């Protein structure tokens, strides 16, 4: 299970909409499954079908999180035209078994869908998201 404040979910949706038609991406930082900070990152692929984090931005987030006694607990990205489920590429590139993978679908423009997954050794399992006010 992962806990995410509503304002962070709202910011993920806003970022995803602002970066259309491309996928948006970023990291959630926190502790013990509770997200407390959102770090939008640059999708250096500038693509509607896949994403790659800017390595310098990713390293900066890691340093900042560690400096605050926190960790990266999730990465997120949007699917502009497809459901909120990991693609084959998402599964293949899921290298960290200790974080949650969050996907926001904008397939239904007015009703974004956010889902979370654990991906370990190519196996995908849903993770419950608890949204806090």
C-alpha atoms as a PDB file:
ATOM      1  CA  UNK A   1       0.000   0.000   0.000  1.00  0.00           C
ATOM      2  CA  UNK A   2       1.110   3.547  -0.713  1.00  0.00           C
ATOM      3  CA  UNK A   3      -0.291   6.717   0.858  1.00  0.00           C
ATOM      4  CA  UNK A   4      -0.416   9.826  -1.327  1.00  0.00           C
ATOM      5  CA  UNK A   5      -1.854  13.226  -0.368  1.00  0.00           C
ATOM      6  CA  UNK A   6      -4.606  14.509  -2.672  1.00  0.00           C
ATOM      7  CA  UNK A   7      -2.574  17.615  -3.535  1.00  0.00           C
ATOM      8  CA  UNK A   8       0.245  15.418  -4.887  1.00  0.00           C
ATOM      9  CA  UNK A   9      -2.226  13.437  -7.006  1.00  0.00           C
ATOM     10  CA  UNK A  10      -3.646  16.733  -8.302  1.00  0.00           C
ATOM     11  CA  UNK A  11      -0.147  17.940  -9.190  1.00  0.00           C
ATOM     12  CA  UNK A  12       0.631  14.690 -11.059  1.00  0.00           C
ATOM     13  CA  UNK A  13      -2.576  15.105 -13.090  1.00  0.00           C
ATOM     14  CA  UNK A  14      -1.778  18.774 -13.821  1.00  0.00           C
ATOM     15  CA  UNK A  15       1.773  17.902 -14.911  1.00  0.00           C
ATOM     16  CA  UNK A  16       0.523  15.076 -17.148  1.00  0.00           C
ATOM     17  CA  UNK A  17      -2.017  17.356 -18.811  1.00  0.00           C
ATOM     18  CA  UNK A  18       0.527  20.146 -19.288  1.00  0.00           C
ATOM     19  CA  UNK A  19       3.007  17.806 -20.984  1.00  0.00           C
ATOM     20  CA  UNK A  20       0.559  16.336 -23.486  1.00  0.00           C
ATOM     21  CA  UNK A  21       0.942  14.808 -25.994  1.00  0.00           C
ATOM     22  CA  UNK A  22       4.053  13.379 -24.292  1.00  0.00           C
ATOM     23  CA  UNK A  23       4.333  11.210 -21.215  1.00  0.00           C
ATOM     24  CA  UNK A  24       5.070  13.076 -17.998  1.00  0.00           C
ATOM     25  CA  UNK A  25       7.247  11.535 -15.298  1.00  0.00           C
ATOM     26  CA  UNK A  26       8.696  12.071 -11.858  1.00  0.00           C
ATOM     27  CA  UNK A  27       9.432  10.702  -8.416  1.00  0.00           C
ATOM     28  CA  UNK A  28       7.661  10.569  -5.069  1.00  0.00           C
ATOM     29  CA  UNK A  29       9.753  10.875  -1.945  1.00  0.00           C
ATOM     30  CA  UNK A  30       8.743   9.858   1.552  1.00  0.00           C
ATOM     31  CA  UNK A  31       9.163   7.221   4.187  1.00  0.00           C
ATOM     32  CA  UNK A  32       7.402   3.990   5.126  1.00  0.00           C
ATOM     33  CA  UNK A  33       5.109   4.069   2.095  1.00  0.00           C
ATOM     34  CA  UNK A  34       3.923   7.645   2.717  1.00  0.00           C
ATOM     35  CA  UNK A  35       4.600  10.142  -0.077  1.00  0.00           C
ATOM     36  CA  UNK A  36       5.443  13.607   1.227  1.00  0.00           C
ATOM     37  CA  UNK A  37       7.140  15.262  -1.753  1.00  0.00           C
ATOM     38  CA  UNK A  38       6.643  15.273  -5.502  1.00  0.00           C
ATOM     39  CA  UNK A  39       9.540  15.819  -7.885  1.00  0.00           C
ATOM     40  CA  UNK A  40       8.431  16.302 -11.492  1.00  0.00           C
ATOM     41  CA  UNK A  41      11.267  15.298 -13.826  1.00  0.00           C
ATOM     42  CA  UNK A  42      12.017  15.964 -17.469  1.00  0.00           C
ATOM     43  CA  UNK A  43      11.074  13.205 -19.898  1.00  0.00           C
ATOM     44  CA  UNK A  44      14.221  13.393 -21.993  1.00  0.00           C
ATOM     45  CA  UNK A  45      12.574  11.163 -24.635  1.00  0.00           C
ATOM     46  CA  UNK A  46       9.864  13.794 -25.305  1.00  0.00           C
ATOM     47  CA  UNK A  47       7.601  10.961 -26.427  1.00  0.00           C
ATOM     48  CA  UNK A  48       3.909  10.061 -26.108  1.00  0.00           C
ATOM     49  CA  UNK A  49       4.855   6.367 -25.921  1.00  0.00           C
ATOM     50  CA  UNK A  50       7.753   6.156 -23.453  1.00  0.00           C
ATOM     51  CA  UNK A  51       9.838   8.119 -20.999  1.00  0.00           C
ATOM     52  CA  UNK A  52      13.334   8.373 -19.573  1.00  0.00           C
ATOM     53  CA  UNK A  53      14.273  10.450 -16.552  1.00  0.00           C
ATOM     54  CA  UNK A  54      16.917  13.131 -16.856  1.00  0.00           C
ATOM     55  CA  UNK A  55      19.792  11.405 -14.974  1.00  0.00           C
ATOM     56  CA  UNK A  56      21.058  14.619 -13.358  1.00  0.00           C
ATOM     57  CA  UNK A  57      17.590  15.477 -12.059  1.00  0.00           C
ATOM     58  CA  UNK A  58      17.126  11.933 -10.785  1.00  0.00           C
ATOM     59  CA  UNK A  59      20.437  12.030  -8.907  1.00  0.00           C
ATOM     60  CA  UNK A  60      19.566  15.448  -7.406  1.00  0.00           C
ATOM     61  CA  UNK A  61      16.282  14.044  -6.042  1.00  0.00           C
ATOM     62  CA  UNK A  62      18.107  11.060  -4.539  1.00  0.00           C
ATOM     63  CA  UNK A  63      20.637  13.356  -2.805  1.00  0.00           C
ATOM     64  CA  UNK A  64      17.927  15.686  -1.485  1.00  0.00           C
ATOM     65  CA  UNK A  65      15.812  12.787  -0.215  1.00  0.00           C
ATOM     66  CA  UNK A  66      18.740  11.187   1.595  1.00  0.00           C
ATOM     67  CA  UNK A  67      19.696  14.546   3.078  1.00  0.00           C
ATOM     68  CA  UNK A  68      16.214  14.774   4.624  1.00  0.00           C
ATOM     69  CA  UNK A  69      16.245  11.190   5.888  1.00  0.00           C
ATOM     70  CA  UNK A  70      13.758  10.131   3.217  1.00  0.00           C
ATOM     71  CA  UNK A  71      13.825   7.862   0.209  1.00  0.00           C
ATOM     72  CA  UNK A  72      12.371   7.556  -3.243  1.00  0.00           C
ATOM     73  CA  UNK A  73       9.276   5.451  -2.682  1.00  0.00           C
ATOM     74  CA  UNK A  74       7.709   5.620  -6.153  1.00  0.00           C
ATOM     75  CA  UNK A  75       8.211   6.725  -9.679  1.00  0.00           C
ATOM     76  CA  UNK A  76       5.324   7.826 -11.800  1.00  0.00           C
ATOM     77  CA  UNK A  77       4.558   8.465 -15.421  1.00  0.00           C
ATOM     78  CA  UNK A  78       1.517   9.148 -17.530  1.00  0.00           C
ATOM     79  CA  UNK A  79      -0.064   7.240 -20.365  1.00  0.00           C
ATOM     80  CA  UNK A  80      -1.661   9.899 -22.580  1.00  0.00           C
ATOM     81  CA  UNK A  81      -3.695   7.487 -24.702  1.00  0.00           C
ATOM     82  CA  UNK A  82      -3.596   4.111 -22.956  1.00  0.00           C
ATOM     83  CA  UNK A  83      -4.856   2.521 -19.723  1.00  0.00           C
ATOM     84  CA  UNK A  84      -3.177   2.845 -16.322  1.00  0.00           C
ATOM     85  CA  UNK A  85      -1.287  -0.426 -16.508  1.00  0.00           C
ATOM     86  CA  UNK A  86       2.375  -1.175 -17.164  1.00  0.00           C
ATOM     87  CA  UNK A  87       3.337  -1.634 -20.787  1.00  0.00           C
ATOM     88  CA  UNK A  88       5.806  -4.320 -21.808  1.00  0.00           C
ATOM     89  CA  UNK A  89       8.495  -1.619 -21.883  1.00  0.00           C
ATOM     90  CA  UNK A  90       7.502  -0.402 -18.387  1.00  0.00           C
ATOM     91  CA  UNK A  91       7.886  -3.946 -17.068  1.00  0.00           C
ATOM     92  CA  UNK A  92      11.193  -4.528 -18.847  1.00  0.00           C
ATOM     93  CA  UNK A  93      12.645  -1.286 -17.489  1.00  0.00           C
ATOM     94  CA  UNK A  94      11.408  -1.711 -13.892  1.00  0.00           C
ATOM     95  CA  UNK A  95      14.812  -2.236 -12.295  1.00  0.00           C
ATOM     96  CA  UNK A  96      14.081  -1.304  -8.672  1.00  0.00           C
ATOM     97  CA  UNK A  97      12.000  -3.942  -6.862  1.00  0.00           C
ATOM     98  CA  UNK A  98      11.775  -1.750  -3.755  1.00  0.00           C
ATOM     99  CA  UNK A  99       9.687   1.100  -5.142  1.00  0.00           C
ATOM    100  CA  UNK A 100       6.134   1.450  -6.337  1.00  0.00           C
ATOM    101  CA  UNK A 101       5.409   2.200  -9.990  1.00  0.00           C
ATOM    102  CA  UNK A 102       2.536   4.631 -10.495  1.00  0.00           C
ATOM    103  CA  UNK A 103       0.787   5.143 -13.816  1.00  0.00           C
ATOM    104  CA  UNK A 104      -1.708   7.884 -14.560  1.00  0.00           C
ATOM    105  CA  UNK A 105      -3.943   7.321 -17.579  1.00  0.00           C
ATOM    106  CA  UNK A 106      -5.385  10.288 -19.459  1.00  0.00           C
ATOM    107  CA  UNK A 107      -7.154   8.000 -21.916  1.00  0.00           C
ATOM    108  CA  UNK A 108     -10.476   9.356 -20.625  1.00  0.00           C
ATOM    109  CA  UNK A 109      -9.572  13.048 -20.694  1.00  0.00           C
ATOM    110  CA  UNK A 110     -12.047  14.199 -18.025  1.00  0.00           C
ATOM    111  CA  UNK A 111     -11.553  11.202 -15.733  1.00  0.00           C
ATOM    112  CA  UNK A 112      -7.865  10.475 -15.140  1.00  0.00           C
ATOM    113  CA  UNK A 113      -7.153   7.082 -13.611  1.00  0.00           C
ATOM    114  CA  UNK A 114      -4.188   6.535 -11.294  1.00  0.00           C
ATOM    115  CA  UNK A 115      -2.974   3.068 -10.338  1.00  0.00           C
ATOM    116  CA  UNK A 116       0.073   1.678  -8.580  1.00  0.00           C
ATOM    117  CA  UNK A 117       2.066  -1.499  -9.102  1.00  0.00           C
ATOM    118  CA  UNK A 118       4.873  -3.557  -7.702  1.00  0.00           C
ATOM    119  CA  UNK A 119       7.105  -4.932 -10.463  1.00  0.00           C
ATOM    120  CA  UNK A 120       9.610  -7.609  -9.502  1.00  0.00           C
ATOM    121  CA  UNK A 121      11.436  -9.863 -11.933  1.00  0.00           C
ATOM    122  CA  UNK A 122       8.867  -9.141 -14.632  1.00  0.00           C
ATOM    123  CA  UNK A 123       5.882  -9.903 -12.410  1.00  0.00           C
ATOM    124  CA  UNK A 124       3.312  -7.143 -11.922  1.00  0.00           C
ATOM    125  CA  UNK A 125       1.106  -6.889  -8.838  1.00  0.00           C
ATOM    126  CA  UNK A 126      -1.387  -4.113  -8.068  1.00  0.00           C
ATOM    127  CA  UNK A 127      -0.596  -1.909  -5.072  1.00  0.00           C
ATOM    128  CA  UNK A 128      -3.423  -0.180  -3.254  1.00  0.00           C
ATOM    129  CA  UNK A 129      -3.277   3.626  -3.259  1.00  0.00           C
ATOM    130  CA  UNK A 130      -4.736   5.444  -0.259  1.00  0.00           C
ATOM    131  CA  UNK A 131      -5.330   9.084  -1.106  1.00  0.00           C
ATOM    132  CA  UNK A 132      -5.245  11.384   1.896  1.00  0.00           C
ATOM    133  CA  UNK A 133      -6.769  14.848   2.114  1.00  0.00           C
END
